[in-house]
Structures are given as C-alpha cells and as structure tokens.
Amino acid sequence: MVVMVSSNNLFHFLFKEKERDFLLRLQSSLQHVLLYEDPDLQERARRIIPLAELKKKAKEASQKTKQGGEVGVDERDCLVLELLSWFKGK
C-alpha cells in the first residue's frame, strides 16, 4: 500500500513538529527560570551578598563617569558590574 502525501500536508506536519519542539524548549527554559523566583533562595542570596556595599560602590562608580557634565553610566549598570566582580572574586 502506498500513501500519497501532498507537499502541503508535509509542510503542515513539519511545521507542527517544529512548533512542538519549540514549545518544549520554551517550557523547559521557563522551568529553569522559575528556579530563581524561589523566595527562600532569594532570601539566602540576600544574606550572603553584601548588597549595601555593592550599591555604594556602584553609586560612586556612576558618579565618576558623570564628572565634567557627561552623560555617564547609569547606577544600575554599575551595580551589575559590581555584582559580577563580587561573584568572580568569591
């Protein structure tokens, strides 16, 4: 028995398969991200990370970039850099 498959049906099948694969990857990635939304883990991180010290350094770094009337670097961006430095140093 020979089954005839039109190119339209084949396209529809392949599209659905790729869509399913994409949705599975998306669901897996969402589960991974939700791990970081755990309030207990966030609290543990807050107890370990010296956030006040890092915010102070970030503010100073941001202000240094704004000397002379330049636009400079946003304080939040400096905080990300301070966090990165802290994590690498730990």
Protein backbone atom coordinates (compact mmCIF):
# COMPACT_ATOMS: atom_id res chain seq x y z
CA MET A 1 0.00 0.00 0.00
CA VAL A 2 1.40 3.40 -1.00
CA VAL A 3 0.34 6.51 0.89
CA MET A 4 0.34 9.69 -1.10
CA VAL A 5 1.44 12.78 0.80
CA SER A 6 0.95 16.17 -0.72
CA SER A 7 3.58 18.84 -0.26
CA ASN A 8 1.01 20.92 1.64
CA ASN A 9 0.38 18.10 4.13
CA LEU A 10 4.12 17.50 4.54
CA PHE A 11 4.71 21.20 5.18
CA HIS A 12 1.90 21.24 7.76
CA PHE A 13 3.35 18.15 9.50
CA LEU A 14 6.90 19.59 9.59
CA PHE A 15 5.63 22.93 10.82
CA LYS A 16 3.69 21.28 13.64
CA GLU A 17 6.75 19.21 14.61
CA LYS A 18 8.98 22.30 14.76
CA GLU A 19 6.30 24.15 16.71
CA ARG A 20 6.09 21.28 19.22
CA ASP A 21 9.88 21.22 19.61
CA PHE A 22 9.94 24.97 20.16
CA LEU A 23 7.19 24.79 22.78
CA LEU A 24 9.01 22.00 24.62
CA ARG A 25 12.23 24.07 24.71
CA LEU A 26 10.27 27.10 25.86
CA GLN A 27 8.61 25.14 28.65
CA SER A 28 11.95 23.71 29.77
CA SER A 29 13.52 27.18 29.83
CA LEU A 30 10.58 28.55 31.80
CA GLN A 31 11.03 25.86 34.46
CA HIS A 32 14.71 26.79 34.71
CA VAL A 33 13.91 30.49 35.14
CA LEU A 34 11.31 29.75 37.81
CA LEU A 35 14.05 28.28 39.99
CA TYR A 36 15.30 31.85 40.50
CA GLU A 37 11.84 33.01 41.60
CA ASP A 38 12.01 30.88 44.76
CA PRO A 39 11.61 33.32 47.71
CA ASP A 40 13.70 31.11 50.02
CA LEU A 41 16.63 31.05 47.59
CA GLN A 42 16.36 34.79 47.08
CA GLU A 43 16.47 35.38 50.83
CA ARG A 44 19.53 33.15 51.18
CA ALA A 45 21.25 35.12 48.44
CA ARG A 46 20.39 38.44 50.13
CA ARG A 47 22.03 37.25 53.35
CA ILE A 48 25.26 36.36 51.53
CA ILE A 49 25.64 39.19 49.01
CA PRO A 50 26.85 42.49 50.55
CA LEU A 51 24.28 44.50 48.61
CA ALA A 52 24.62 47.76 50.57
CA GLU A 53 28.37 47.79 49.97
CA LEU A 54 27.95 46.98 46.28
CA LYS A 55 25.29 49.67 45.85
CA LYS A 56 27.62 52.22 47.46
CA LYS A 57 30.46 51.25 45.10
CA ALA A 58 28.08 51.36 42.14
CA LYS A 59 26.90 54.85 43.06
CA GLU A 60 30.48 56.09 43.36
CA ALA A 61 31.44 54.49 40.06
CA SER A 62 28.42 56.00 38.33
CA GLN A 63 29.18 59.47 39.71
CA LYS A 64 32.79 59.22 38.48
CA THR A 65 31.54 58.60 34.94
CA LYS A 66 29.33 61.70 35.12
CA GLN A 67 32.05 64.17 36.07
CA GLY A 68 32.51 67.02 33.66
CA GLY A 69 28.84 67.10 32.64
CA GLU A 70 28.97 63.89 30.63
CA VAL A 71 26.01 61.50 30.46
CA GLY A 72 27.96 58.76 32.20
CA VAL A 73 26.96 55.24 33.15
CA ASP A 74 23.70 54.50 34.94
CA GLU A 75 24.00 53.40 38.56
CA ARG A 76 22.11 50.15 37.84
CA ASP A 77 24.63 49.24 35.17
CA CYS A 78 27.44 49.91 37.60
CA LEU A 79 25.69 47.69 40.16
CA VAL A 80 25.62 44.83 37.65
CA LEU A 81 29.36 45.27 37.14
CA GLU A 82 29.95 45.34 40.91
CA LEU A 83 27.91 42.15 41.32
CA LEU A 84 29.87 40.49 38.54
CA SER A 85 33.13 41.48 40.17
CA TRP A 86 31.91 40.23 43.55
CA PHE A 87 30.83 36.87 42.14
CA LYS A 88 34.14 36.41 40.31
CA GLY A 89 36.05 37.26 43.48
CA LYS A 90 34.12 34.76 45.59
